[in-house]
PDB file of N, CA and C in Angstrom:
ATOM      1  N   UNK A   1      60.615 -20.356 -81.759  1.00  0.00           N
ATOM      2  CA  UNK A   1      60.187 -20.058 -80.459  1.00  0.00           C
ATOM      3  C   UNK A   1      60.275 -18.923 -80.014  1.00  0.00           C
ATOM      4  N   UNK A   2      59.959 -18.011 -80.462  1.00  0.00           N
ATOM      5  CA  UNK A   2      58.737 -16.213 -80.856  1.00  0.00           C
ATOM      6  C   UNK A   2      57.942 -17.531 -80.615  1.00  0.00           C
ATOM      7  N   UNK A   3      57.100 -17.694 -81.240  1.00  0.00           N
ATOM      8  CA  UNK A   3      56.111 -18.287 -81.353  1.00  0.00           C
ATOM      9  C   UNK A   3      55.310 -19.539 -79.851  1.00  0.00           C
ATOM     10  N   UNK A   4      56.141 -20.236 -79.733  1.00  0.00           N
ATOM     11  CA  UNK A   4      56.090 -21.125 -79.141  1.00  0.00           C
ATOM     12  C   UNK A   4      55.855 -19.825 -77.266  1.00  0.00           C
ATOM     13  N   UNK A   5      56.566 -19.132 -77.203  1.00  0.00           N
ATOM     14  CA  UNK A   5      56.242 -17.648 -75.971  1.00  0.00           C
ATOM     15  C   UNK A   5      55.270 -17.456 -76.220  1.00  0.00           C
ATOM     16  N   UNK A   6      54.948 -16.301 -77.614  1.00  0.00           N
ATOM     17  CA  UNK A   6      53.450 -15.946 -77.716  1.00  0.00           C
ATOM     18  C   UNK A   6      52.802 -16.856 -77.423  1.00  0.00           C
ATOM     19  N   UNK A   7      52.778 -18.517 -77.548  1.00  0.00           N
ATOM     20  CA  UNK A   7      51.837 -18.574 -77.157  1.00  0.00           C
ATOM     21  C   UNK A   7      51.326 -19.629 -75.775  1.00  0.00           C
ATOM     22  N   UNK A   8      52.683 -19.600 -75.428  1.00  0.00           N
ATOM     23  CA  UNK A   8      53.091 -19.701 -73.499  1.00  0.00           C
ATOM     24  C   UNK A   8      52.035 -18.220 -73.014  1.00  0.00           C
ATOM     25  N   UNK A   9      52.399 -16.945 -73.715  1.00  0.00           N
ATOM     26  CA  UNK A   9      51.696 -16.057 -73.227  1.00  0.00           C
ATOM     27  C   UNK A   9      50.415 -16.094 -73.380  1.00  0.00           C
ATOM     28  N   UNK A  10      49.446 -16.369 -74.503  1.00  0.00           N
ATOM     29  CA  UNK A  10      48.041 -16.469 -74.735  1.00  0.00           C
ATOM     30  C   UNK A  10      47.580 -16.660 -73.582  1.00  0.00           C
ATOM     31  N   UNK A  11      48.460 -18.262 -73.347  1.00  0.00           N
ATOM     32  CA  UNK A  11      47.384 -18.761 -72.162  1.00  0.00           C
ATOM     33  C   UNK A  11      47.045 -18.575 -71.216  1.00  0.00           C
ATOM     34  N   UNK A  12      48.629 -17.611 -70.562  1.00  0.00           N
ATOM     35  CA  UNK A  12      48.174 -17.984 -69.156  1.00  0.00           C
ATOM     36  C   UNK A  12      47.679 -16.044 -69.540  1.00  0.00           C
ATOM     37  N   UNK A  13      47.043 -15.445 -69.803  1.00  0.00           N
ATOM     38  CA  UNK A  13      46.419 -14.677 -70.397  1.00  0.00           C
ATOM     39  C   UNK A  13      44.966 -15.293 -70.422  1.00  0.00           C
ATOM     40  N   UNK A  14      44.831 -16.008 -70.824  1.00  0.00           N
ATOM     41  CA  UNK A  14      43.518 -16.625 -70.960  1.00  0.00           C
ATOM     42  C   UNK A  14      43.578 -17.662 -69.366  1.00  0.00           C
ATOM     43  N   UNK A  15      43.982 -18.592 -68.535  1.00  0.00           N
ATOM     44  CA  UNK A  15      43.536 -18.553 -67.440  1.00  0.00           C
ATOM     45  C   UNK A  15      43.393 -17.362 -66.030  1.00  0.00           C
ATOM     46  N   UNK A  16      44.579 -16.369 -66.474  1.00  0.00           N
ATOM     47  CA  UNK A  16      44.151 -15.369 -65.628  1.00  0.00           C
ATOM     48  C   UNK A  16      42.781 -14.876 -65.858  1.00  0.00           C
ATOM     49  N   UNK A  17      42.496 -14.607 -67.327  1.00  0.00           N
ATOM     50  CA  UNK A  17      41.008 -14.171 -67.294  1.00  0.00           C
ATOM     51  C   UNK A  17      39.700 -14.646 -66.780  1.00  0.00           C
ATOM     52  N   UNK A  18      40.145 -16.636 -66.777  1.00  0.00           N
ATOM     53  CA  UNK A  18      38.886 -16.703 -66.195  1.00  0.00           C
ATOM     54  C   UNK A  18      38.864 -16.949 -64.412  1.00  0.00           C
ATOM     55  N   UNK A  19      40.495 -17.285 -64.355  1.00  0.00           N
ATOM     56  CA  UNK A  19      40.731 -16.828 -63.139  1.00  0.00           C
ATOM     57  C   UNK A  19      39.106 -15.414 -62.240  1.00  0.00           C
ATOM     58  N   UNK A  20      39.294 -14.744 -62.426  1.00  0.00           N
ATOM     59  CA  UNK A  20      39.286 -13.372 -62.418  1.00  0.00           C
ATOM     60  C   UNK A  20      37.308 -13.562 -62.771  1.00  0.00           C
ATOM     61  N   UNK A  21      37.124 -14.118 -63.531  1.00  0.00           N
ATOM     62  CA  UNK A  21      35.412 -13.770 -64.911  1.00  0.00           C
ATOM     63  C   UNK A  21      34.553 -13.607 -62.805  1.00  0.00           C
ATOM     64  N   UNK A  22      33.987 -12.593 -63.178  1.00  0.00           N
ATOM     65  CA  UNK A  22      32.705 -13.408 -62.505  1.00  0.00           C
ATOM     66  C   UNK A  22      33.456 -12.898 -60.593  1.00  0.00           C
ATOM     67  N   UNK A  23      34.059 -11.557 -60.777  1.00  0.00           N
ATOM     68  CA  UNK A  23      34.711 -10.852 -59.374  1.00  0.00           C
ATOM     69  C   UNK A  23      35.130  -9.402 -59.721  1.00  0.00           C
ATOM     70  N   UNK A  24      34.304  -8.937 -58.670  1.00  0.00           N
ATOM     71  CA  UNK A  24      34.522  -7.224 -58.598  1.00  0.00           C
ATOM     72  C   UNK A  24      35.461  -7.169 -57.773  1.00  0.00           C
ATOM     73  N   UNK A  25      36.431  -6.305 -57.382  1.00  0.00           N
ATOM     74  CA  UNK A  25      36.456  -5.486 -55.892  1.00  0.00           C
ATOM     75  C   UNK A  25      36.256  -5.121 -55.217  1.00  0.00           C
ATOM     76  N   UNK A  26      36.339  -4.989 -54.411  1.00  0.00           N
ATOM     77  CA  UNK A  26      35.423  -4.822 -52.676  1.00  0.00           C
ATOM     78  C   UNK A  26      35.988  -3.675 -52.405  1.00  0.00           C
ATOM     79  N   UNK A  27      35.839  -2.870 -51.384  1.00  0.00           N
ATOM     80  CA  UNK A  27      35.845  -1.473 -50.949  1.00  0.00           C
ATOM     81  C   UNK A  27      37.362  -2.086 -49.402  1.00  0.00           C
ATOM     82  N   UNK A  28      37.432  -2.868 -49.322  1.00  0.00           N
ATOM     83  CA  UNK A  28      38.359  -3.336 -48.382  1.00  0.00           C
ATOM     84  C   UNK A  28      39.423  -3.675 -49.151  1.00  0.00           C
ATOM     85  N   UNK A  29      41.004  -3.301 -48.369  1.00  0.00           N
ATOM     86  CA  UNK A  29      41.959  -3.999 -48.600  1.00  0.00           C
ATOM     87  C   UNK A  29      42.718  -4.670 -47.058  1.00  0.00           C
ATOM     88  N   UNK A  30      43.160  -5.833 -47.126  1.00  0.00           N
ATOM     89  CA  UNK A  30      43.516  -6.768 -45.928  1.00  0.00           C
ATOM     90  C   UNK A  30      45.403  -6.073 -46.007  1.00  0.00           C
ATOM     91  N   UNK A  31      46.533  -5.702 -45.266  1.00  0.00           N
ATOM     92  CA  UNK A  31      47.475  -6.180 -45.245  1.00  0.00           C
ATOM     93  C   UNK A  31      47.932  -7.357 -43.934  1.00  0.00           C
ATOM     94  N   UNK A  32      48.904  -7.703 -44.436  1.00  0.00           N
ATOM     95  CA  UNK A  32      49.697  -9.129 -44.621  1.00  0.00           C
ATOM     96  C   UNK A  32      51.312  -8.431 -43.812  1.00  0.00           C
ATOM     97  N   UNK A  33      51.682  -9.496 -43.164  1.00  0.00           N
ATOM     98  CA  UNK A  33      53.503  -8.955 -42.299  1.00  0.00           C
ATOM     99  C   UNK A  33      53.612 -10.242 -42.460  1.00  0.00           C
ATOM    100  N   UNK A  34      54.435 -11.153 -42.927  1.00  0.00           N
ATOM    101  CA  UNK A  34      55.080 -12.580 -43.059  1.00  0.00           C
ATOM    102  C   UNK A  34      54.353 -13.604 -43.082  1.00  0.00           C
ATOM    103  N   UNK A  35      53.377 -13.413 -43.787  1.00  0.00           N
ATOM    104  CA  UNK A  35      52.171 -13.691 -44.260  1.00  0.00           C
ATOM    105  C   UNK A  35      51.412 -14.058 -43.009  1.00  0.00           C
ATOM    106  N   UNK A  36      51.081 -12.806 -41.738  1.00  0.00           N
ATOM    107  CA  UNK A  36      50.089 -13.184 -41.013  1.00  0.00           C
ATOM    108  C   UNK A  36      49.224 -12.134 -41.662  1.00  0.00           C
ATOM    109  N   UNK A  37      47.971 -12.077 -41.096  1.00  0.00           N
ATOM    110  CA  UNK A  37      47.148 -10.776 -41.619  1.00  0.00           C
ATOM    111  C   UNK A  37      47.964  -9.564 -40.337  1.00  0.00           C
ATOM    112  N   UNK A  38      47.854  -8.827 -40.876  1.00  0.00           N
ATOM    113  CA  UNK A  38      48.342  -7.274 -40.229  1.00  0.00           C
ATOM    114  C   UNK A  38      46.594  -6.713 -39.396  1.00  0.00           C
ATOM    115  N   UNK A  39      46.000  -6.237 -40.502  1.00  0.00           N
ATOM    116  CA  UNK A  39      44.779  -5.466 -40.773  1.00  0.00           C
ATOM    117  C   UNK A  39      44.139  -5.611 -42.246  1.00  0.00           C
ATOM    118  N   UNK A  40      42.302  -5.134 -41.908  1.00  0.00           N
ATOM    119  CA  UNK A  40      42.104  -4.534 -42.754  1.00  0.00           C
ATOM    120  C   UNK A  40      41.380  -4.088 -42.278  1.00  0.00           C
ATOM    121  N   UNK A  41      40.959  -3.230 -43.628  1.00  0.00           N
ATOM    122  CA  UNK A  41      40.166  -1.840 -43.325  1.00  0.00           C
ATOM    123  C   UNK A  41      39.725  -1.698 -44.801  1.00  0.00           C
ATOM    124  N   UNK A  42      38.292  -0.857 -44.501  1.00  0.00           N
ATOM    125  CA  UNK A  42      37.572  -0.484 -45.928  1.00  0.00           C
ATOM    126  C   UNK A  42      38.850   0.983 -46.561  1.00  0.00           C
ATOM    127  N   UNK A  43      38.313   1.088 -47.521  1.00  0.00           N
ATOM    128  CA  UNK A  43      38.644   2.400 -48.597  1.00  0.00           C
ATOM    129  C   UNK A  43      38.876   3.643 -47.924  1.00  0.00           C
ATOM    130  N   UNK A  44      38.510   4.474 -47.551  1.00  0.00           N
ATOM    131  CA  UNK A  44      38.978   5.379 -47.057  1.00  0.00           C
ATOM    132  C   UNK A  44      39.654   6.511 -47.867  1.00  0.00           C
ATOM    133  N   UNK A  45      39.250   7.034 -48.769  1.00  0.00           N
ATOM    134  CA  UNK A  45      39.733   8.193 -49.782  1.00  0.00           C
ATOM    135  C   UNK A  45      40.817   9.217 -48.337  1.00  0.00           C
ATOM    136  N   UNK A  46      42.274   9.215 -49.449  1.00  0.00           N
ATOM    137  CA  UNK A  46      43.084  10.191 -48.376  1.00  0.00           C
ATOM    138  C   UNK A  46      43.414   9.683 -46.672  1.00  0.00           C
ATOM    139  N   UNK A  47      43.031   8.951 -46.852  1.00  0.00           N
ATOM    140  CA  UNK A  47      43.969   8.037 -45.062  1.00  0.00           C
ATOM    141  C   UNK A  47      44.770   7.550 -45.775  1.00  0.00           C
ATOM    142  N   UNK A  48      45.435   7.509 -44.523  1.00  0.00           N
ATOM    143  CA  UNK A  48      46.865   6.404 -44.329  1.00  0.00           C
ATOM    144  C   UNK A  48      47.254   5.403 -43.996  1.00  0.00           C
ATOM    145  N   UNK A  49      47.062   4.108 -43.859  1.00  0.00           N
ATOM    146  CA  UNK A  49      47.653   3.050 -43.001  1.00  0.00           C
ATOM    147  C   UNK A  49      49.461   3.022 -42.401  1.00  0.00           C
ATOM    148  N   UNK A  50      49.584   2.643 -41.567  1.00  0.00           N
ATOM    149  CA  UNK A  50      50.959   2.690 -41.278  1.00  0.00           C
ATOM    150  C   UNK A  50      51.294   1.359 -40.486  1.00  0.00           C
ATOM    151  N   UNK A  51      52.264   0.800 -41.669  1.00  0.00           N
ATOM    152  CA  UNK A  51      52.805  -0.252 -40.713  1.00  0.00           C
ATOM    153  C   UNK A  51      53.761  -0.468 -40.262  1.00  0.00           C
ATOM    154  N   UNK A  52      54.283  -0.484 -38.471  1.00  0.00           N
ATOM    155  CA  UNK A  52      55.086   0.002 -38.154  1.00  0.00           C
ATOM    156  C   UNK A  52      55.927  -1.378 -37.305  1.00  0.00           C
ATOM    157  N   UNK A  53      56.711  -2.406 -37.414  1.00  0.00           N
ATOM    158  CA  UNK A  53      57.220  -3.555 -37.003  1.00  0.00           C
ATOM    159  C   UNK A  53      58.489  -3.217 -36.186  1.00  0.00           C
ATOM    160  N   UNK A  54      58.326  -4.446 -34.919  1.00  0.00           N
ATOM    161  CA  UNK A  54      59.348  -3.802 -34.090  1.00  0.00           C
ATOM    162  C   UNK A  54      61.069  -4.333 -34.694  1.00  0.00           C
ATOM    163  N   UNK A  55      61.268  -4.866 -35.933  1.00  0.00           N
ATOM    164  CA  UNK A  55      62.080  -4.656 -36.425  1.00  0.00           C
ATOM    165  C   UNK A  55      62.553  -3.117 -36.944  1.00  0.00           C
ATOM    166  N   UNK A  56      61.610  -2.393 -37.143  1.00  0.00           N
ATOM    167  CA  UNK A  56      62.151  -1.346 -37.234  1.00  0.00           C
ATOM    168  C   UNK A  56      61.773  -0.444 -38.866  1.00  0.00           C
ATOM    169  N   UNK A  57      61.271  -1.424 -39.141  1.00  0.00           N
ATOM    170  CA  UNK A  57      60.586  -1.434 -40.656  1.00  0.00           C
ATOM    171  C   UNK A  57      59.365  -0.957 -40.928  1.00  0.00           C
ATOM    172  N   UNK A  58      59.305   0.277 -41.486  1.00  0.00           N
ATOM    173  CA  UNK A  58      57.922   0.600 -41.593  1.00  0.00           C
ATOM    174  C   UNK A  58      57.259   1.579 -42.901  1.00  0.00           C
ATOM    175  N   UNK A  59      56.037   0.301 -43.550  1.00  0.00           N
ATOM    176  CA  UNK A  59      55.629   1.497 -44.413  1.00  0.00           C
ATOM    177  C   UNK A  59      54.470   1.975 -44.241  1.00  0.00           C
ATOM    178  N   UNK A  60      53.638   3.019 -45.153  1.00  0.00           N
ATOM    179  CA  UNK A  60      52.613   3.364 -45.088  1.00  0.00           C
ATOM    180  C   UNK A  60      51.807   3.283 -46.575  1.00  0.00           C
ATOM    181  N   UNK A  61      50.523   3.287 -46.540  1.00  0.00           N
ATOM    182  CA  UNK A  61      49.708   3.092 -46.983  1.00  0.00           C
ATOM    183  C   UNK A  61      48.808   3.862 -47.487  1.00  0.00           C
ATOM    184  N   UNK A  62      48.371   4.518 -48.778  1.00  0.00           N
ATOM    185  CA  UNK A  62      47.911   5.910 -48.919  1.00  0.00           C
ATOM    186  C   UNK A  62      46.171   5.147 -49.835  1.00  0.00           C
ATOM    187  N   UNK A  63      45.073   5.137 -49.085  1.00  0.00           N
ATOM    188  CA  UNK A  63      44.014   4.843 -49.982  1.00  0.00           C
ATOM    189  C   UNK A  63      43.456   5.478 -50.032  1.00  0.00           C
ATOM    190  N   UNK A  64      43.048   5.290 -51.661  1.00  0.00           N
ATOM    191  CA  UNK A  64      42.189   6.099 -52.772  1.00  0.00           C
ATOM    192  C   UNK A  64      40.432   5.781 -52.579  1.00  0.00           C
ATOM    193  N   UNK A  65      40.018   7.061 -53.461  1.00  0.00           N
ATOM    194  CA  UNK A  65      38.714   6.464 -53.797  1.00  0.00           C
ATOM    195  C   UNK A  65      38.456   5.378 -54.154  1.00  0.00           C
ATOM    196  N   UNK A  66      39.162   4.102 -54.938  1.00  0.00           N
ATOM    197  CA  UNK A  66      38.806   2.820 -55.244  1.00  0.00           C
ATOM    198  C   UNK A  66      40.270   1.752 -55.488  1.00  0.00           C
ATOM    199  N   UNK A  67      41.122   1.823 -54.102  1.00  0.00           N
ATOM    200  CA  UNK A  67      41.953   1.251 -53.833  1.00  0.00           C
ATOM    201  C   UNK A  67      43.090   1.859 -53.722  1.00  0.00           C
ATOM    202  N   UNK A  68      44.136   1.606 -53.735  1.00  0.00           N
ATOM    203  CA  UNK A  68      45.858   1.983 -52.583  1.00  0.00           C
ATOM    204  C   UNK A  68      46.341   2.016 -53.774  1.00  0.00           C
ATOM    205  N   UNK A  69      48.029   2.221 -53.000  1.00  0.00           N
ATOM    206  CA  UNK A  69      49.078   2.878 -53.055  1.00  0.00           C
ATOM    207  C   UNK A  69      50.166   2.861 -52.459  1.00  0.00           C
ATOM    208  N   UNK A  70      51.187   2.134 -52.226  1.00  0.00           N
ATOM    209  CA  UNK A  70      52.352   2.719 -51.409  1.00  0.00           C
ATOM    210  C   UNK A  70      53.263   3.677 -51.113  1.00  0.00           C
ATOM    211  N   UNK A  71      52.680   4.887 -50.011  1.00  0.00           N
ATOM    212  CA  UNK A  71      53.002   5.982 -50.193  1.00  0.00           C
ATOM    213  C   UNK A  71      54.250   6.347 -50.203  1.00  0.00           C
ATOM    214  N   UNK A  72      55.121   5.634 -48.607  1.00  0.00           N
ATOM    215  CA  UNK A  72      56.173   5.264 -48.265  1.00  0.00           C
ATOM    216  C   UNK A  72      56.902   4.078 -47.946  1.00  0.00           C
ATOM    217  N   UNK A  73      58.380   4.362 -47.840  1.00  0.00           N
ATOM    218  CA  UNK A  73      58.879   2.533 -46.786  1.00  0.00           C
ATOM    219  C   UNK A  73      60.259   3.160 -47.175  1.00  0.00           C
ATOM    220  N   UNK A  74      60.380   1.627 -45.736  1.00  0.00           N
ATOM    221  CA  UNK A  74      62.083   1.992 -45.133  1.00  0.00           C
ATOM    222  C   UNK A  74      62.590   1.139 -46.260  1.00  0.00           C
ATOM    223  N   UNK A  75      62.545   0.200 -46.841  1.00  0.00           N
ATOM    224  CA  UNK A  75      62.791  -1.018 -47.865  1.00  0.00           C
ATOM    225  C   UNK A  75      63.794   0.482 -48.820  1.00  0.00           C
ATOM    226  N   UNK A  76      65.209  -1.098 -49.489  1.00  0.00           N
ATOM    227  CA  UNK A  76      66.126   0.263 -49.526  1.00  0.00           C
ATOM    228  C   UNK A  76      65.714  -0.007 -51.102  1.00  0.00           C
ATOM    229  N   UNK A  77      65.389  -0.334 -51.254  1.00  0.00           N
ATOM    230  CA  UNK A  77      64.905  -0.501 -53.373  1.00  0.00           C
ATOM    231  C   UNK A  77      63.712   0.306 -53.740  1.00  0.00           C
ATOM    232  N   UNK A  78      63.036   0.335 -52.867  1.00  0.00           N
ATOM    233  CA  UNK A  78      61.391   0.957 -53.114  1.00  0.00           C
ATOM    234  C   UNK A  78      61.128   0.231 -54.625  1.00  0.00           C
ATOM    235  N   UNK A  79      60.926  -1.255 -54.934  1.00  0.00           N
ATOM    236  CA  UNK A  79      59.954  -1.561 -55.858  1.00  0.00           C
ATOM    237  C   UNK A  79      58.318  -1.287 -55.451  1.00  0.00           C
ATOM    238  N   UNK A  80      58.020  -1.746 -54.262  1.00  0.00           N
ATOM    239  CA  UNK A  80      56.883  -1.246 -53.902  1.00  0.00           C
ATOM    240  C   UNK A  80      56.550  -0.150 -54.161  1.00  0.00           C
ATOM    241  N   UNK A  81      56.904   1.435 -53.804  1.00  0.00           N
ATOM    242  CA  UNK A  81      56.951   3.105 -54.802  1.00  0.00           C
ATOM    243  C   UNK A  81      56.080   2.587 -56.015  1.00  0.00           C
ATOM    244  N   UNK A  82      57.428   1.772 -57.077  1.00  0.00           N
ATOM    245  CA  UNK A  82      57.486   1.886 -57.925  1.00  0.00           C
ATOM    246  C   UNK A  82      55.823   1.566 -58.713  1.00  0.00           C
ATOM    247  N   UNK A  83      55.708  -0.214 -57.568  1.00  0.00           N
ATOM    248  CA  UNK A  83      54.780  -0.958 -58.520  1.00  0.00           C
ATOM    249  C   UNK A  83      53.451   0.162 -58.762  1.00  0.00           C
ATOM    250  N   UNK A  84      52.828   0.573 -58.059  1.00  0.00           N
ATOM    251  CA  UNK A  84      51.919   2.387 -58.650  1.00  0.00           C
ATOM    252  C   UNK A  84      50.663   1.295 -57.612  1.00  0.00           C
ATOM    253  N   UNK A  85      49.574   2.209 -57.918  1.00  0.00           N
ATOM    254  CA  UNK A  85      48.510   2.366 -57.746  1.00  0.00           C
ATOM    255  C   UNK A  85      47.737   0.769 -57.935  1.00  0.00           C
ATOM    256  N   UNK A  86      46.621   0.247 -56.917  1.00  0.00           N
ATOM    257  CA  UNK A  86      45.338  -1.287 -56.941  1.00  0.00           C
ATOM    258  C   UNK A  86      44.730  -0.527 -57.152  1.00  0.00           C
ATOM    259  N   UNK A  87      43.973  -0.239 -58.168  1.00  0.00           N
ATOM    260  CA  UNK A  87      42.564   0.291 -58.277  1.00  0.00           C
ATOM    261  C   UNK A  87      40.896  -1.118 -58.876  1.00  0.00           C
ATOM    262  N   UNK A  88      39.691   0.139 -58.559  1.00  0.00           N
ATOM    263  CA  UNK A  88      38.690  -0.871 -59.318  1.00  0.00           C
ATOM    264  C   UNK A  88      39.024  -1.620 -60.273  1.00  0.00           C
ATOM    265  N   UNK A  89      39.431  -0.516 -61.741  1.00  0.00           N
ATOM    266  CA  UNK A  89      39.659  -0.441 -62.553  1.00  0.00           C
ATOM    267  C   UNK A  89      40.881  -1.475 -63.066  1.00  0.00           C
ATOM    268  N   UNK A  90      42.112  -1.087 -62.466  1.00  0.00           N
ATOM    269  CA  UNK A  90      43.152  -2.106 -63.326  1.00  0.00           C
ATOM    270  C   UNK A  90      43.585  -3.411 -62.579  1.00  0.00           C
ATOM    271  N   UNK A  91      42.728  -3.607 -61.475  1.00  0.00           N
ATOM    272  CA  UNK A  91      43.462  -4.750 -60.622  1.00  0.00           C
ATOM    273  C   UNK A  91      43.207  -6.298 -61.618  1.00  0.00           C
ATOM    274  N   UNK A  92      42.301  -6.561 -62.867  1.00  0.00           N
ATOM    275  CA  UNK A  92      42.511  -7.201 -63.759  1.00  0.00           C
ATOM    276  C   UNK A  92      43.460  -7.701 -64.147  1.00  0.00           C
ATOM    277  N   UNK A  93      44.704  -5.717 -64.524  1.00  0.00           N
ATOM    278  CA  UNK A  93      45.162  -6.360 -66.153  1.00  0.00           C
ATOM    279  C   UNK A  93      46.684  -5.723 -65.268  1.00  0.00           C
ATOM    280  N   UNK A  94      47.431  -5.574 -63.489  1.00  0.00           N
ATOM    281  CA  UNK A  94      48.643  -5.770 -63.215  1.00  0.00           C
ATOM    282  C   UNK A  94      49.293  -6.771 -63.227  1.00  0.00           C
ATOM    283  N   UNK A  95      50.729  -6.955 -63.205  1.00  0.00           N
ATOM    284  CA  UNK A  95      51.198  -7.633 -63.493  1.00  0.00           C
ATOM    285  C   UNK A  95      50.461  -8.948 -61.853  1.00  0.00           C
ATOM    286  N   UNK A  96      50.938  -7.932 -60.887  1.00  0.00           N
ATOM    287  CA  UNK A  96      50.492  -8.509 -59.384  1.00  0.00           C
ATOM    288  C   UNK A  96      49.745  -8.798 -59.093  1.00  0.00           C
ATOM    289  N   UNK A  97      48.591  -8.511 -60.115  1.00  0.00           N
ATOM    290  CA  UNK A  97      46.901  -8.561 -60.199  1.00  0.00           C
ATOM    291  C   UNK A  97      46.576  -7.641 -58.601  1.00  0.00           C
ATOM    292  N   UNK A  98      45.845  -8.084 -57.209  1.00  0.00           N
ATOM    293  CA  UNK A  98      45.574  -6.838 -56.284  1.00  0.00           C
ATOM    294  C   UNK A  98      46.101  -7.017 -54.857  1.00  0.00           C
ATOM    295  N   UNK A  99      47.698  -6.940 -55.621  1.00  0.00           N
ATOM    296  CA  UNK A  99      48.366  -6.499 -54.609  1.00  0.00           C
ATOM    297  C   UNK A  99      49.845  -5.818 -54.469  1.00  0.00           C
ATOM    298  N   UNK A 100      50.430  -5.306 -53.575  1.00  0.00           N
ATOM    299  CA  UNK A 100      51.797  -4.926 -53.639  1.00  0.00           C
ATOM    300  C   UNK A 100      51.924  -4.398 -52.632  1.00  0.00           C
ATOM    301  N   UNK A 101      53.814  -5.122 -53.503  1.00  0.00           N
ATOM    302  CA  UNK A 101      54.271  -6.323 -52.159  1.00  0.00           C
ATOM    303  C   UNK A 101      56.127  -5.953 -51.986  1.00  0.00           C
ATOM    304  N   UNK A 102      55.878  -5.824 -50.253  1.00  0.00           N
ATOM    305  CA  UNK A 102      57.096  -4.777 -49.844  1.00  0.00           C
ATOM    306  C   UNK A 102      57.995  -6.425 -49.839  1.00  0.00           C
ATOM    307  N   UNK A 103      59.281  -6.767 -50.190  1.00  0.00           N
ATOM    308  CA  UNK A 103      59.498  -8.173 -49.772  1.00  0.00           C
ATOM    309  C   UNK A 103      60.752  -7.904 -49.408  1.00  0.00           C
ATOM    310  N   UNK A 104      61.493  -6.862 -48.713  1.00  0.00           N
ATOM    311  CA  UNK A 104      62.404  -6.893 -47.976  1.00  0.00           C
ATOM    312  C   UNK A 104      61.922  -6.669 -46.123  1.00  0.00           C
ATOM    313  N   UNK A 105      60.797  -5.754 -46.395  1.00  0.00           N
ATOM    314  CA  UNK A 105      59.837  -5.803 -45.362  1.00  0.00           C
ATOM    315  C   UNK A 105      58.367  -6.487 -44.658  1.00  0.00           C
ATOM    316  N   UNK A 106      58.840  -7.522 -46.183  1.00  0.00           N
ATOM    317  CA  UNK A 106      57.680  -8.890 -45.725  1.00  0.00           C
ATOM    318  C   UNK A 106      56.103  -7.647 -45.600  1.00  0.00           C
ATOM    319  N   UNK A 107      55.462  -7.333 -46.504  1.00  0.00           N
ATOM    320  CA  UNK A 107      54.447  -6.537 -46.738  1.00  0.00           C
ATOM    321  C   UNK A 107      53.633  -6.763 -47.470  1.00  0.00           C
ATOM    322  N   UNK A 108      52.633  -6.992 -47.668  1.00  0.00           N
ATOM    323  CA  UNK A 108      51.795  -7.601 -49.278  1.00  0.00           C
ATOM    324  C   UNK A 108      50.676  -6.409 -48.315  1.00  0.00           C
ATOM    325  N   UNK A 109      49.847  -6.219 -49.667  1.00  0.00           N
ATOM    326  CA  UNK A 109      48.588  -5.069 -49.258  1.00  0.00           C
ATOM    327  C   UNK A 109      47.684  -5.740 -50.492  1.00  0.00           C
ATOM    328  N   UNK A 110      47.624  -5.894 -50.208  1.00  0.00           N
ATOM    329  CA  UNK A 110      46.021  -6.513 -51.521  1.00  0.00           C
ATOM    330  C   UNK A 110      44.648  -5.874 -51.105  1.00  0.00           C
ATOM    331  N   UNK A 111      44.025  -5.374 -52.204  1.00  0.00           N
ATOM    332  CA  UNK A 111      42.763  -5.261 -52.817  1.00  0.00           C
ATOM    333  C   UNK A 111      41.753  -6.901 -52.374  1.00  0.00           C
ATOM    334  N   UNK A 112      40.233  -7.002 -51.871  1.00  0.00           N
ATOM    335  CA  UNK A 112      39.669  -7.912 -51.208  1.00  0.00           C
ATOM    336  C   UNK A 112      38.797  -7.644 -52.585  1.00  0.00           C
ATOM    337  N   UNK A 113      38.835  -8.852 -53.083  1.00  0.00           N
ATOM    338  CA  UNK A 113      37.901  -9.212 -54.774  1.00  0.00           C
ATOM    339  C   UNK A 113      37.358 -10.041 -54.365  1.00  0.00           C
ATOM    340  N   UNK A 114      35.729 -10.833 -54.364  1.00  0.00           N
ATOM    341  CA  UNK A 114      34.688 -11.167 -54.366  1.00  0.00           C
ATOM    342  C   UNK A 114      33.304 -11.667 -55.407  1.00  0.00           C
ATOM    343  N   UNK A 115      33.758 -12.748 -54.665  1.00  0.00           N
ATOM    344  CA  UNK A 115      32.620 -13.495 -56.537  1.00  0.00           C
ATOM    345  C   UNK A 115      30.985 -12.454 -56.506  1.00  0.00           C
ATOM    346  N   UNK A 116      30.627 -12.258 -57.690  1.00  0.00           N
ATOM    347  CA  UNK A 116      30.152 -11.459 -57.785  1.00  0.00           C
ATOM    348  C   UNK A 116      28.727 -12.494 -58.678  1.00  0.00           C
ATOM    349  N   UNK A 117      29.213 -13.717 -59.643  1.00  0.00           N
ATOM    350  CA  UNK A 117      28.634 -14.801 -60.567  1.00  0.00           C
ATOM    351  C   UNK A 117      28.178 -16.255 -59.082  1.00  0.00           C
ATOM    352  N   UNK A 118      26.957 -16.511 -59.417  1.00  0.00           N
ATOM    353  CA  UNK A 118      27.088 -17.966 -58.289  1.00  0.00           C
ATOM    354  C   UNK A 118      27.378 -19.375 -58.798  1.00  0.00           C
ATOM    355  N   UNK A 119      27.955 -18.896 -60.216  1.00  0.00           N
ATOM    356  CA  UNK A 119      28.443 -20.003 -60.905  1.00  0.00           C
ATOM    357  C   UNK A 119      30.248 -20.308 -61.122  1.00  0.00           C
ATOM    358  N   UNK A 120      30.510 -19.203 -60.348  1.00  0.00           N
ATOM    359  CA  UNK A 120      31.818 -18.520 -60.320  1.00  0.00           C
ATOM    360  C   UNK A 120      32.705 -19.001 -58.617  1.00  0.00           C
ATOM    361  N   UNK A 121      32.857 -20.675 -58.551  1.00  0.00           N
ATOM    362  CA  UNK A 121      33.324 -20.369 -57.212  1.00  0.00           C
ATOM    363  C   UNK A 121      34.531 -19.788 -57.531  1.00  0.00           C
ATOM    364  N   UNK A 122      34.866 -19.663 -55.874  1.00  0.00           N
ATOM    365  CA  UNK A 122      36.326 -19.128 -55.060  1.00  0.00           C
ATOM    366  C   UNK A 122      37.158 -19.666 -55.607  1.00  0.00           C
ATOM    367  N   UNK A 123      38.560 -19.342 -55.927  1.00  0.00           N
ATOM    368  CA  UNK A 123      40.183 -19.424 -55.886  1.00  0.00           C
ATOM    369  C   UNK A 123      41.102 -18.969 -55.178  1.00  0.00           C
TER     370      UNK A 123
END
């Protein structure tokens, strides 16, 4: 049973690695609210972006030199805060990849990536 789980984990890691081959992070983030594009922004170190919704939900995204993190949120569980920063260096190794997601507020923030290898199709 343990061997099967280890094999499955290795297979998932291999697929994930192959999907990200030839991709690099851009200096830009995209913010989605309830599945719809809310805004895009270039990374401006130290700048905060506030996502204020009509229902009173508020998320604040802090941009850094090479990424971003969720600074604050009005959600109760604060899981989005604890997801940490997404950076050019760590997005390939994070469980959520390029995303920080606030499920209660329906906010998804992602570091945009681009293909740098002409032989690798966009996924």
